[in-house]
């Protein structure tokens, strides 16, 4: 399995706008964590950016998971980029 990092941005007023979707978002993340696909994911202070680390077969698999997340589908995340990552330590 390869590792990938996610970097993205949140919409304005993300804390308010995410409220109706938060439970579904967290449930999806929990499932990915339990499957071993998600290492970690969370917002920066102030919820302006999102950062995550994934383990998957390829970049396309991670991109599909991210684009399937309710935060992406509902416009809470406004931009996301996935990059192959080499963990040095």
C-alpha atoms as a PDB file:
ATOM      1  CA  UNK A   1       0.000   0.000   0.000  1.00  0.00           C
ATOM      2  CA  UNK A   2       1.195   3.468  -0.848  1.00  0.00           C
ATOM      3  CA  UNK A   3       0.717   6.589   1.258  1.00  0.00           C
ATOM      4  CA  UNK A   4      -0.933   9.793   0.109  1.00  0.00           C
ATOM      5  CA  UNK A   5      -1.490  13.218   1.605  1.00  0.00           C
ATOM      6  CA  UNK A   6      -4.578  15.332   1.139  1.00  0.00           C
ATOM      7  CA  UNK A   7      -4.544  19.111   1.307  1.00  0.00           C
ATOM      8  CA  UNK A   8      -7.667  21.161   0.760  1.00  0.00           C
ATOM      9  CA  UNK A   9      -9.706  24.194   1.683  1.00  0.00           C
ATOM     10  CA  UNK A  10     -12.993  24.766   3.455  1.00  0.00           C
ATOM     11  CA  UNK A  11     -15.803  27.082   2.456  1.00  0.00           C
ATOM     12  CA  UNK A  12     -16.455  30.281   4.371  1.00  0.00           C
ATOM     13  CA  UNK A  13     -18.385  29.736   7.607  1.00  0.00           C
ATOM     14  CA  UNK A  14     -17.491  26.042   7.435  1.00  0.00           C
ATOM     15  CA  UNK A  15     -18.281  25.372  11.086  1.00  0.00           C
ATOM     16  CA  UNK A  16     -21.883  26.482  10.593  1.00  0.00           C
ATOM     17  CA  UNK A  17     -22.369  25.023   7.120  1.00  0.00           C
ATOM     18  CA  UNK A  18     -20.982  21.593   7.986  1.00  0.00           C
ATOM     19  CA  UNK A  19     -23.394  21.004  10.886  1.00  0.00           C
ATOM     20  CA  UNK A  20     -26.101  19.104   8.936  1.00  0.00           C
ATOM     21  CA  UNK A  21     -23.479  16.805   7.379  1.00  0.00           C
ATOM     22  CA  UNK A  22     -21.035  16.310  10.249  1.00  0.00           C
ATOM     23  CA  UNK A  23     -22.378  12.997  11.587  1.00  0.00           C
ATOM     24  CA  UNK A  24     -22.344  11.381   8.129  1.00  0.00           C
ATOM     25  CA  UNK A  25     -18.861  12.779   7.481  1.00  0.00           C
ATOM     26  CA  UNK A  26     -17.457  11.422  10.746  1.00  0.00           C
ATOM     27  CA  UNK A  27     -19.121   8.031  10.238  1.00  0.00           C
ATOM     28  CA  UNK A  28     -17.503   7.758   6.810  1.00  0.00           C
ATOM     29  CA  UNK A  29     -14.104   8.684   8.221  1.00  0.00           C
ATOM     30  CA  UNK A  30     -14.491   6.132  11.007  1.00  0.00           C
ATOM     31  CA  UNK A  31     -15.209   3.414   8.448  1.00  0.00           C
ATOM     32  CA  UNK A  32     -12.098   4.387   6.460  1.00  0.00           C
ATOM     33  CA  UNK A  33     -10.031   4.392   9.659  1.00  0.00           C
ATOM     34  CA  UNK A  34     -11.283   0.934  10.628  1.00  0.00           C
ATOM     35  CA  UNK A  35     -10.491  -0.360   7.133  1.00  0.00           C
ATOM     36  CA  UNK A  36      -6.920   0.917   7.453  1.00  0.00           C
ATOM     37  CA  UNK A  37      -7.295   3.373   4.575  1.00  0.00           C
ATOM     38  CA  UNK A  38      -7.360   6.570   6.633  1.00  0.00           C
ATOM     39  CA  UNK A  39      -4.384   7.292   8.867  1.00  0.00           C
ATOM     40  CA  UNK A  40      -5.505  10.747  10.000  1.00  0.00           C
ATOM     41  CA  UNK A  41      -7.570  13.693   8.784  1.00  0.00           C
ATOM     42  CA  UNK A  42      -8.591  17.020  10.253  1.00  0.00           C
ATOM     43  CA  UNK A  43      -8.892  20.757   9.862  1.00  0.00           C
ATOM     44  CA  UNK A  44      -6.329  23.404  10.563  1.00  0.00           C
ATOM     45  CA  UNK A  45      -7.082  25.747  13.415  1.00  0.00           C
ATOM     46  CA  UNK A  46      -9.838  28.040  12.222  1.00  0.00           C
ATOM     47  CA  UNK A  47     -11.110  25.382   9.794  1.00  0.00           C
ATOM     48  CA  UNK A  48      -9.661  27.028   6.707  1.00  0.00           C
ATOM     49  CA  UNK A  49      -7.771  23.982   5.410  1.00  0.00           C
ATOM     50  CA  UNK A  50      -8.015  20.216   5.692  1.00  0.00           C
ATOM     51  CA  UNK A  51      -5.082  17.812   5.870  1.00  0.00           C
ATOM     52  CA  UNK A  52      -5.102  14.027   5.733  1.00  0.00           C
ATOM     53  CA  UNK A  53      -2.961  10.949   5.277  1.00  0.00           C
ATOM     54  CA  UNK A  54      -4.271   7.862   3.506  1.00  0.00           C
ATOM     55  CA  UNK A  55      -2.948   4.403   2.621  1.00  0.00           C
ATOM     56  CA  UNK A  56      -4.322   2.944  -0.600  1.00  0.00           C
ATOM     57  CA  UNK A  57      -3.457   1.047  -3.760  1.00  0.00           C
ATOM     58  CA  UNK A  58      -3.199   4.210  -5.843  1.00  0.00           C
ATOM     59  CA  UNK A  59      -3.919   7.923  -5.989  1.00  0.00           C
ATOM     60  CA  UNK A  60      -7.128   7.431  -7.959  1.00  0.00           C
ATOM     61  CA  UNK A  61      -8.594   5.355  -5.106  1.00  0.00           C
ATOM     62  CA  UNK A  62      -7.920   8.129  -2.593  1.00  0.00           C
ATOM     63  CA  UNK A  63      -9.307  10.793  -4.927  1.00  0.00           C
ATOM     64  CA  UNK A  64     -12.484   8.735  -5.363  1.00  0.00           C
ATOM     65  CA  UNK A  65     -12.903   8.417  -1.595  1.00  0.00           C
ATOM     66  CA  UNK A  66     -12.388  12.125  -1.074  1.00  0.00           C
ATOM     67  CA  UNK A  67     -14.788  13.111  -3.866  1.00  0.00           C
ATOM     68  CA  UNK A  68     -17.345  10.707  -2.365  1.00  0.00           C
ATOM     69  CA  UNK A  69     -17.197  12.386   1.046  1.00  0.00           C
ATOM     70  CA  UNK A  70     -20.301  14.377   1.955  1.00  0.00           C
ATOM     71  CA  UNK A  71     -18.162  17.432   2.727  1.00  0.00           C
ATOM     72  CA  UNK A  72     -17.020  17.484  -0.898  1.00  0.00           C
ATOM     73  CA  UNK A  73     -20.461  16.742  -2.329  1.00  0.00           C
ATOM     74  CA  UNK A  74     -22.073  19.497  -0.223  1.00  0.00           C
ATOM     75  CA  UNK A  75     -19.397  22.138  -0.882  1.00  0.00           C
ATOM     76  CA  UNK A  76     -17.896  22.218   2.607  1.00  0.00           C
ATOM     77  CA  UNK A  77     -14.528  21.365   1.077  1.00  0.00           C
ATOM     78  CA  UNK A  78     -14.002  23.777  -1.806  1.00  0.00           C
ATOM     79  CA  UNK A  79     -10.770  22.345  -3.213  1.00  0.00           C
ATOM     80  CA  UNK A  80      -8.822  19.159  -2.558  1.00  0.00           C
ATOM     81  CA  UNK A  81      -5.561  17.801  -3.903  1.00  0.00           C
ATOM     82  CA  UNK A  82      -4.047  14.371  -3.285  1.00  0.00           C
ATOM     83  CA  UNK A  83      -0.322  13.760  -3.550  1.00  0.00           C
ATOM     84  CA  UNK A  84       1.790  10.604  -3.327  1.00  0.00           C
ATOM     85  CA  UNK A  85       3.817  10.782  -0.128  1.00  0.00           C
ATOM     86  CA  UNK A  86       7.099   9.224   0.909  1.00  0.00           C
ATOM     87  CA  UNK A  87       7.350   8.883   4.681  1.00  0.00           C
ATOM     88  CA  UNK A  88      10.990   9.459   5.559  1.00  0.00           C
ATOM     89  CA  UNK A  89      10.663   8.799   9.321  1.00  0.00           C
END
